[in-house]
N, C-alpha and C. Protein backbone atom coordinates (compact mmCIF):
# COMPACT_ATOMS: atom_id res chain seq x y z
N MET A 1 89.25 128.10 97.61
CA MET A 1 88.89 127.89 98.88
C MET A 1 89.41 126.53 99.26
N PRO A 2 90.07 126.27 100.38
CA PRO A 2 90.68 125.01 100.74
C PRO A 2 89.48 124.03 100.90
N THR A 3 89.60 122.77 100.46
CA THR A 3 88.53 121.88 100.58
C THR A 3 89.05 120.60 101.47
N ASP A 4 90.08 120.77 102.23
CA ASP A 4 90.51 119.64 103.07
C ASP A 4 89.52 119.28 104.16
N TRP A 5 88.72 120.21 104.57
CA TRP A 5 87.72 119.95 105.62
C TRP A 5 86.69 118.93 105.17
N ILE A 6 86.46 118.79 103.84
CA ILE A 6 85.49 117.88 103.32
C ILE A 6 85.91 116.52 103.64
N TRP A 7 87.11 116.13 103.62
CA TRP A 7 87.57 114.76 103.97
C TRP A 7 87.05 114.46 105.41
N GLY A 8 87.29 115.39 106.35
CA GLY A 8 86.85 115.19 107.77
C GLY A 8 85.35 114.98 107.85
N LEU A 9 84.58 115.75 107.08
CA LEU A 9 83.16 115.68 107.03
C LEU A 9 82.72 114.28 106.47
N VAL A 10 83.31 113.87 105.37
CA VAL A 10 83.04 112.60 104.79
C VAL A 10 83.33 111.42 105.80
N GLY A 11 84.55 111.53 106.35
CA GLY A 11 84.95 110.45 107.34
C GLY A 11 83.98 110.46 108.55
N GLY A 12 83.62 111.59 109.03
CA GLY A 12 82.66 111.63 110.13
C GLY A 12 81.40 111.19 109.83
N LEU A 13 80.79 111.44 108.67
CA LEU A 13 79.54 110.86 108.14
C LEU A 13 79.59 109.29 108.08
N MET A 14 80.73 108.79 107.57
CA MET A 14 80.93 107.37 107.50
C MET A 14 80.93 106.64 108.79
N ILE A 15 81.72 107.25 109.65
CA ILE A 15 81.82 106.65 111.06
C ILE A 15 80.48 106.71 111.81
N GLY A 16 79.85 107.81 111.69
CA GLY A 16 78.44 107.93 112.31
C GLY A 16 77.47 107.05 111.65
N SER A 17 77.49 106.85 110.37
CA SER A 17 76.57 105.92 109.77
C SER A 17 76.90 104.41 110.21
N ALA A 18 78.16 104.15 110.27
CA ALA A 18 78.46 102.76 110.67
C ALA A 18 78.14 102.51 112.07
N ALA A 19 78.23 103.53 112.96
CA ALA A 19 77.88 103.40 114.38
C ALA A 19 76.37 103.15 114.48
N GLY A 20 75.69 103.95 113.75
CA GLY A 20 74.13 103.76 113.76
C GLY A 20 73.66 102.35 113.15
N LEU A 21 74.34 102.02 112.14
CA LEU A 21 73.93 100.75 111.52
C LEU A 21 74.42 99.57 112.47
N TYR A 22 75.54 99.64 113.10
CA TYR A 22 75.95 98.70 114.04
C TYR A 22 75.04 98.51 115.23
N LEU A 23 74.59 99.66 115.67
CA LEU A 23 73.58 99.68 116.82
C LEU A 23 72.29 99.10 116.42
N LEU A 24 71.80 99.53 115.15
CA LEU A 24 70.49 98.88 114.74
C LEU A 24 70.53 97.34 114.42
N VAL A 25 71.73 96.94 113.90
CA VAL A 25 71.71 95.50 113.61
C VAL A 25 72.12 94.65 114.79
N ASN A 26 73.03 95.12 115.59
CA ASN A 26 73.56 94.22 116.69
C ASN A 26 72.94 94.72 118.07
N GLY A 27 72.41 95.90 118.21
CA GLY A 27 71.92 96.35 119.51
C GLY A 27 72.99 96.64 120.50
N ARG A 28 74.25 96.89 119.88
CA ARG A 28 75.43 97.18 120.82
C ARG A 28 76.05 98.59 120.32
N ILE A 29 76.82 99.10 121.09
CA ILE A 29 77.55 100.33 120.77
C ILE A 29 78.78 99.89 119.98
N MET A 30 79.02 100.61 118.98
CA MET A 30 80.29 100.33 118.10
C MET A 30 81.45 101.05 118.71
N GLY A 31 82.17 100.35 119.58
CA GLY A 31 83.39 100.88 120.04
C GLY A 31 84.51 100.03 119.40
N ALA A 32 85.33 100.57 118.59
CA ALA A 32 86.35 99.84 117.94
C ALA A 32 87.29 99.11 118.81
N SER A 33 87.77 99.83 119.89
CA SER A 33 88.57 99.15 120.86
C SER A 33 87.96 97.98 121.60
N GLY A 34 86.70 98.17 121.90
CA GLY A 34 86.02 97.06 122.58
C GLY A 34 85.72 95.86 121.68
N ILE A 35 85.53 96.15 120.35
CA ILE A 35 85.42 95.11 119.45
C ILE A 35 86.73 94.25 119.30
N LEU A 36 87.82 94.98 119.13
CA LEU A 36 89.17 94.35 119.07
C LEU A 36 89.54 93.67 120.31
N GLY A 37 89.37 94.45 121.43
CA GLY A 37 89.80 94.00 122.75
C GLY A 37 89.07 92.62 123.10
N GLY A 38 87.75 92.54 122.85
CA GLY A 38 86.97 91.33 123.02
C GLY A 38 87.49 90.12 122.28
N LEU A 39 88.12 90.37 121.08
CA LEU A 39 88.76 89.29 120.39
C LEU A 39 90.05 88.85 121.02
N VAL A 40 90.85 89.88 121.39
CA VAL A 40 92.19 89.61 121.97
C VAL A 40 92.09 88.98 123.39
N ASP A 41 91.29 89.46 124.22
CA ASP A 41 91.19 88.82 125.47
C ASP A 41 90.22 87.68 125.65
N GLY A 42 89.40 87.36 124.71
CA GLY A 42 88.56 86.24 124.63
C GLY A 42 87.17 86.58 125.17
N THR A 43 86.91 87.77 125.72
CA THR A 43 85.53 88.09 126.28
C THR A 43 84.44 88.10 125.20
N GLY A 44 84.88 88.23 123.91
CA GLY A 44 83.93 88.47 122.83
C GLY A 44 83.65 87.13 122.07
N ARG A 45 83.83 86.06 122.61
CA ARG A 45 83.58 84.80 121.86
C ARG A 45 82.20 84.62 121.31
N ASP A 46 81.17 85.11 122.07
CA ASP A 46 79.75 84.88 121.66
C ASP A 46 79.45 85.78 120.50
N SER A 47 80.24 86.71 120.20
CA SER A 47 79.96 87.71 119.03
C SER A 47 81.14 87.75 118.18
N MET A 48 81.86 86.64 118.10
CA MET A 48 83.23 86.71 117.31
C MET A 48 82.90 86.92 115.77
N VAL A 49 81.81 86.35 115.22
CA VAL A 49 81.64 86.55 113.80
C VAL A 49 81.41 88.03 113.50
N GLU A 50 80.53 88.71 114.25
CA GLU A 50 80.29 90.11 113.94
C GLU A 50 81.45 90.95 114.27
N ARG A 51 82.31 90.59 115.20
CA ARG A 51 83.49 91.38 115.52
C ARG A 51 84.58 91.26 114.34
N LEU A 52 84.73 89.99 113.90
CA LEU A 52 85.65 89.79 112.70
C LEU A 52 85.06 90.44 111.49
N ALA A 53 83.75 90.41 111.32
CA ALA A 53 83.26 91.06 110.14
C ALA A 53 83.46 92.69 110.21
N PHE A 54 83.40 93.21 111.32
CA PHE A 54 83.70 94.64 111.55
C PHE A 54 85.17 94.97 111.17
N LEU A 55 86.07 94.06 111.80
CA LEU A 55 87.47 94.33 111.53
C LEU A 55 87.81 94.19 110.06
N PHE A 56 87.21 93.12 109.40
CA PHE A 56 87.33 92.87 108.06
C PHE A 56 87.02 94.18 107.23
N GLY A 57 85.91 94.70 107.54
CA GLY A 57 85.43 95.95 106.78
C GLY A 57 86.38 97.06 107.10
N VAL A 58 86.87 97.23 108.28
CA VAL A 58 87.83 98.33 108.63
C VAL A 58 89.24 98.20 107.73
N LEU A 59 89.54 96.96 107.63
CA LEU A 59 90.80 96.68 106.81
C LEU A 59 90.60 96.64 105.38
N ALA A 60 89.40 96.16 104.87
CA ALA A 60 89.18 96.02 103.45
C ALA A 60 88.72 97.25 102.71
N VAL A 61 88.04 98.08 103.38
CA VAL A 61 87.53 99.28 102.65
C VAL A 61 88.48 100.37 102.16
N PRO A 62 89.47 100.66 103.02
CA PRO A 62 90.47 101.72 102.57
C PRO A 62 91.18 101.40 101.28
N PRO A 63 91.69 100.06 101.15
CA PRO A 63 92.33 99.88 99.77
C PRO A 63 91.33 99.87 98.65
N LEU A 64 90.16 99.62 98.88
CA LEU A 64 89.15 99.75 97.78
C LEU A 64 88.95 101.20 97.27
N LEU A 65 89.22 102.15 98.22
CA LEU A 65 89.00 103.58 97.90
C LEU A 65 90.21 104.20 97.30
N VAL A 66 91.39 103.63 97.32
CA VAL A 66 92.61 104.18 96.87
C VAL A 66 92.47 104.65 95.44
N PRO A 67 91.88 103.85 94.56
CA PRO A 67 91.81 104.46 93.14
C PRO A 67 91.08 105.78 93.04
N LEU A 68 90.11 105.88 93.95
CA LEU A 68 89.26 107.18 93.90
C LEU A 68 90.07 108.36 94.44
N TYR A 69 90.88 108.13 95.41
CA TYR A 69 91.49 109.24 96.24
C TYR A 69 92.97 109.12 96.33
N ARG A 70 93.68 109.21 95.18
CA ARG A 70 95.17 108.98 95.21
C ARG A 70 96.03 110.09 95.91
N SER A 71 95.37 111.31 95.94
CA SER A 71 96.20 112.44 96.31
C SER A 71 95.98 112.82 97.78
N VAL A 72 95.30 112.09 98.63
CA VAL A 72 95.03 112.41 100.06
C VAL A 72 96.35 112.34 100.88
N ASP A 73 96.61 113.30 101.47
CA ASP A 73 97.83 113.51 102.34
C ASP A 73 97.42 113.45 103.81
N THR A 74 97.88 112.47 104.57
CA THR A 74 97.53 112.24 105.88
C THR A 74 98.41 112.98 106.89
N HIS A 75 99.53 113.49 106.36
CA HIS A 75 100.46 114.31 107.20
C HIS A 75 101.03 113.45 108.39
N ILE A 76 101.14 112.17 108.12
CA ILE A 76 101.73 111.20 109.08
C ILE A 76 103.31 111.38 109.06
N THR A 77 103.82 111.25 110.16
CA THR A 77 105.29 111.38 110.29
C THR A 77 105.99 110.17 109.59
N SER A 78 107.17 110.35 109.24
CA SER A 78 108.07 109.29 108.54
C SER A 78 108.79 108.53 109.64
N ASN A 79 108.78 108.95 110.80
CA ASN A 79 109.57 108.38 112.02
C ASN A 79 108.77 107.13 112.49
N PRO A 80 109.28 105.90 112.18
CA PRO A 80 108.53 104.65 112.53
C PRO A 80 108.48 104.56 114.11
N MET A 81 109.35 105.05 114.85
CA MET A 81 109.29 105.00 116.37
C MET A 81 108.17 105.84 116.93
N VAL A 82 107.93 106.95 116.25
CA VAL A 82 106.83 107.73 116.70
C VAL A 82 105.48 107.06 116.39
N ILE A 83 105.43 106.37 115.38
CA ILE A 83 104.18 105.78 114.98
C ILE A 83 103.93 104.60 115.86
N VAL A 84 104.94 103.88 116.21
CA VAL A 84 104.79 102.68 117.24
C VAL A 84 104.47 103.19 118.51
N ALA A 85 105.11 104.28 119.06
CA ALA A 85 104.84 104.89 120.28
C ALA A 85 103.30 105.40 120.40
N ALA A 86 103.00 106.01 119.39
CA ALA A 86 101.52 106.59 119.24
C ALA A 86 100.57 105.45 119.33
N GLY A 87 100.84 104.25 118.56
CA GLY A 87 99.93 103.13 118.59
C GLY A 87 99.83 102.51 120.02
N LEU A 88 100.94 102.44 120.59
CA LEU A 88 100.93 101.76 122.06
C LEU A 88 100.26 102.76 123.04
N LEU A 89 100.55 104.05 122.95
CA LEU A 89 99.71 104.95 123.82
C LEU A 89 98.29 105.00 123.60
N VAL A 90 97.82 104.95 122.30
CA VAL A 90 96.48 104.95 121.97
C VAL A 90 95.77 103.64 122.66
N GLY A 91 96.48 102.52 122.39
CA GLY A 91 95.96 101.23 122.93
C GLY A 91 96.00 101.28 124.44
N ILE A 92 96.87 101.82 125.06
CA ILE A 92 96.85 101.80 126.58
C ILE A 92 95.79 102.83 127.07
N GLY A 93 95.64 103.92 126.34
CA GLY A 93 94.64 104.85 126.73
C GLY A 93 93.27 104.40 126.54
N THR A 94 93.00 103.66 125.47
CA THR A 94 91.56 103.06 125.38
C THR A 94 91.30 102.07 126.40
N ARG A 95 92.30 101.30 126.85
CA ARG A 95 92.04 100.35 127.94
C ARG A 95 91.69 101.08 129.24
N LEU A 96 92.48 102.05 129.45
CA LEU A 96 92.33 102.89 130.72
C LEU A 96 91.02 103.62 130.77
N ALA A 97 90.56 104.07 129.60
CA ALA A 97 89.25 104.84 129.51
C ALA A 97 88.03 103.84 129.28
N ASN A 98 88.32 102.65 129.19
CA ASN A 98 87.18 101.70 128.95
C ASN A 98 86.50 102.02 127.56
N GLY A 99 87.26 102.45 126.66
CA GLY A 99 86.61 102.83 125.35
C GLY A 99 87.50 103.77 124.50
N CYS A 100 87.02 103.99 123.35
CA CYS A 100 87.81 104.87 122.43
C CYS A 100 86.98 105.97 121.80
N THR A 101 87.54 106.67 120.76
CA THR A 101 86.70 107.69 120.19
C THR A 101 85.52 107.29 119.53
N SER A 102 85.47 106.17 119.01
CA SER A 102 84.10 105.71 118.39
C SER A 102 83.20 105.36 119.43
N GLY A 103 83.57 104.68 120.51
CA GLY A 103 82.55 104.28 121.57
C GLY A 103 82.18 105.57 122.41
N HIS A 104 83.10 106.23 122.97
CA HIS A 104 82.79 107.43 123.75
C HIS A 104 82.40 108.57 123.01
N GLY A 105 83.19 108.84 121.98
CA GLY A 105 83.04 110.16 121.22
C GLY A 105 81.75 110.16 120.35
N VAL A 106 81.74 109.13 119.49
CA VAL A 106 80.70 109.16 118.47
C VAL A 106 79.42 108.60 119.15
N CYS A 107 79.40 107.44 119.71
CA CYS A 107 78.26 106.80 120.32
C CYS A 107 77.78 107.36 121.68
N GLY A 108 78.88 107.70 122.48
CA GLY A 108 78.57 108.23 123.74
C GLY A 108 77.92 109.65 123.70
N ILE A 109 78.58 110.48 122.98
CA ILE A 109 77.99 111.92 122.82
C ILE A 109 76.66 111.87 122.17
N SER A 110 76.43 111.03 121.17
CA SER A 110 75.15 111.06 120.53
C SER A 110 74.04 110.58 121.40
N ARG A 111 74.42 109.81 122.46
CA ARG A 111 73.41 109.43 123.39
C ARG A 111 73.39 110.33 124.69
N LEU A 112 74.15 111.30 124.69
CA LEU A 112 74.37 112.30 125.79
C LEU A 112 74.72 111.59 127.03
N ALA A 113 75.52 110.53 126.95
CA ALA A 113 75.99 109.76 128.06
C ALA A 113 77.08 110.58 128.90
N PRO A 114 76.96 110.80 130.11
CA PRO A 114 77.91 111.60 130.82
C PRO A 114 79.35 111.02 130.74
N ARG A 115 79.42 109.73 130.81
CA ARG A 115 80.65 109.05 130.73
C ARG A 115 81.33 109.29 129.32
N GLY A 116 80.61 109.32 128.23
CA GLY A 116 81.13 109.60 126.94
C GLY A 116 81.51 111.06 126.79
N LEU A 117 80.74 111.99 127.35
CA LEU A 117 81.11 113.39 127.28
C LEU A 117 82.38 113.62 128.10
N ALA A 118 82.48 113.11 129.24
CA ALA A 118 83.64 113.20 130.11
C ALA A 118 84.94 112.64 129.39
N ALA A 119 84.81 111.43 128.94
CA ALA A 119 85.96 110.69 128.30
C ALA A 119 86.42 111.43 127.06
N THR A 120 85.38 112.02 126.34
CA THR A 120 85.83 112.78 125.08
C THR A 120 86.51 114.03 125.43
N ALA A 121 86.04 114.78 126.47
CA ALA A 121 86.76 115.94 126.89
C ALA A 121 88.20 115.57 127.29
N PHE A 122 88.33 114.58 127.99
CA PHE A 122 89.68 114.31 128.55
C PHE A 122 90.64 113.73 127.44
N TYR A 123 90.16 112.96 126.58
CA TYR A 123 91.10 112.54 125.52
C TYR A 123 91.42 113.60 124.50
N LEU A 124 90.48 114.55 124.32
CA LEU A 124 90.87 115.72 123.47
C LEU A 124 91.92 116.59 124.08
N LEU A 125 91.70 116.73 125.46
CA LEU A 125 92.73 117.58 126.21
C LEU A 125 94.11 116.80 126.18
N GLY A 126 94.03 115.49 126.47
CA GLY A 126 95.24 114.73 126.39
C GLY A 126 95.95 114.85 125.01
N GLY A 127 95.10 114.66 123.93
CA GLY A 127 95.80 114.82 122.55
C GLY A 127 96.39 116.09 122.34
N ALA A 128 95.76 117.27 122.77
CA ALA A 128 96.28 118.57 122.56
C ALA A 128 97.64 118.66 123.31
N VAL A 129 97.61 118.26 124.66
CA VAL A 129 98.90 118.25 125.43
C VAL A 129 100.01 117.52 124.71
N THR A 130 99.60 116.32 124.36
CA THR A 130 100.54 115.46 123.66
C THR A 130 101.20 116.08 122.35
N VAL A 131 100.36 116.69 121.58
CA VAL A 131 100.88 117.27 120.27
C VAL A 131 101.73 118.47 120.69
N TYR A 132 101.34 119.24 121.65
CA TYR A 132 102.19 120.48 122.04
C TYR A 132 103.51 119.92 122.56
N LEU A 133 103.48 118.84 123.43
CA LEU A 133 104.79 118.41 123.98
C LEU A 133 105.67 117.80 122.89
N PHE A 134 105.12 116.95 122.06
CA PHE A 134 105.98 116.22 121.01
C PHE A 134 106.27 117.23 119.86
N ARG A 135 105.54 118.19 119.61
CA ARG A 135 105.89 119.06 118.44
C ARG A 135 106.71 120.26 118.96
N HIS A 136 106.33 120.98 120.05
CA HIS A 136 106.95 122.15 120.34
C HIS A 136 108.05 122.09 121.40
N ILE A 137 107.94 121.12 122.21
CA ILE A 137 108.93 120.93 123.31
C ILE A 137 110.02 119.89 122.82
N LEU A 138 109.63 118.73 122.38
CA LEU A 138 110.58 117.71 121.97
C LEU A 138 110.93 117.76 120.52
N GLY A 139 110.10 118.43 119.71
CA GLY A 139 110.43 118.54 118.27
C GLY A 139 110.44 117.30 117.49
N VAL A 140 109.67 116.24 117.95
CA VAL A 140 109.73 115.03 117.30
C VAL A 140 108.83 114.91 116.00
N ILE A 141 107.75 115.64 116.11
CA ILE A 141 106.74 115.65 114.97
C ILE A 141 106.54 117.07 114.47
């Protein structure tokens, strides 16, 4: 039986647990784009220490897990231009949507927030259209 779905379950549990812990400790929603955006544009100066701690954790934990999970295949493309374009599009999209998958999807849906439900529906639809366009029409991925 294929077990690839287990990685998605484990990742989802980790993100959900982190979101709950962040809300309990800080009293704020864990939106990764908002945390990073507040550092970049200066609006998060009052909570800079917790924002930097969050980003440190996001960057420090994956290398610590490499010895445990050497054979995980991400299926990422080897085309660096596609990776750069995807990163820029995600960044622009999170600013246009006033949030990202962690803020709207994980935290918004768990609170049954109409804005989170609508944003999640639209970014999933946008992702599906993008994959179809880039894979089946343009043949890039």
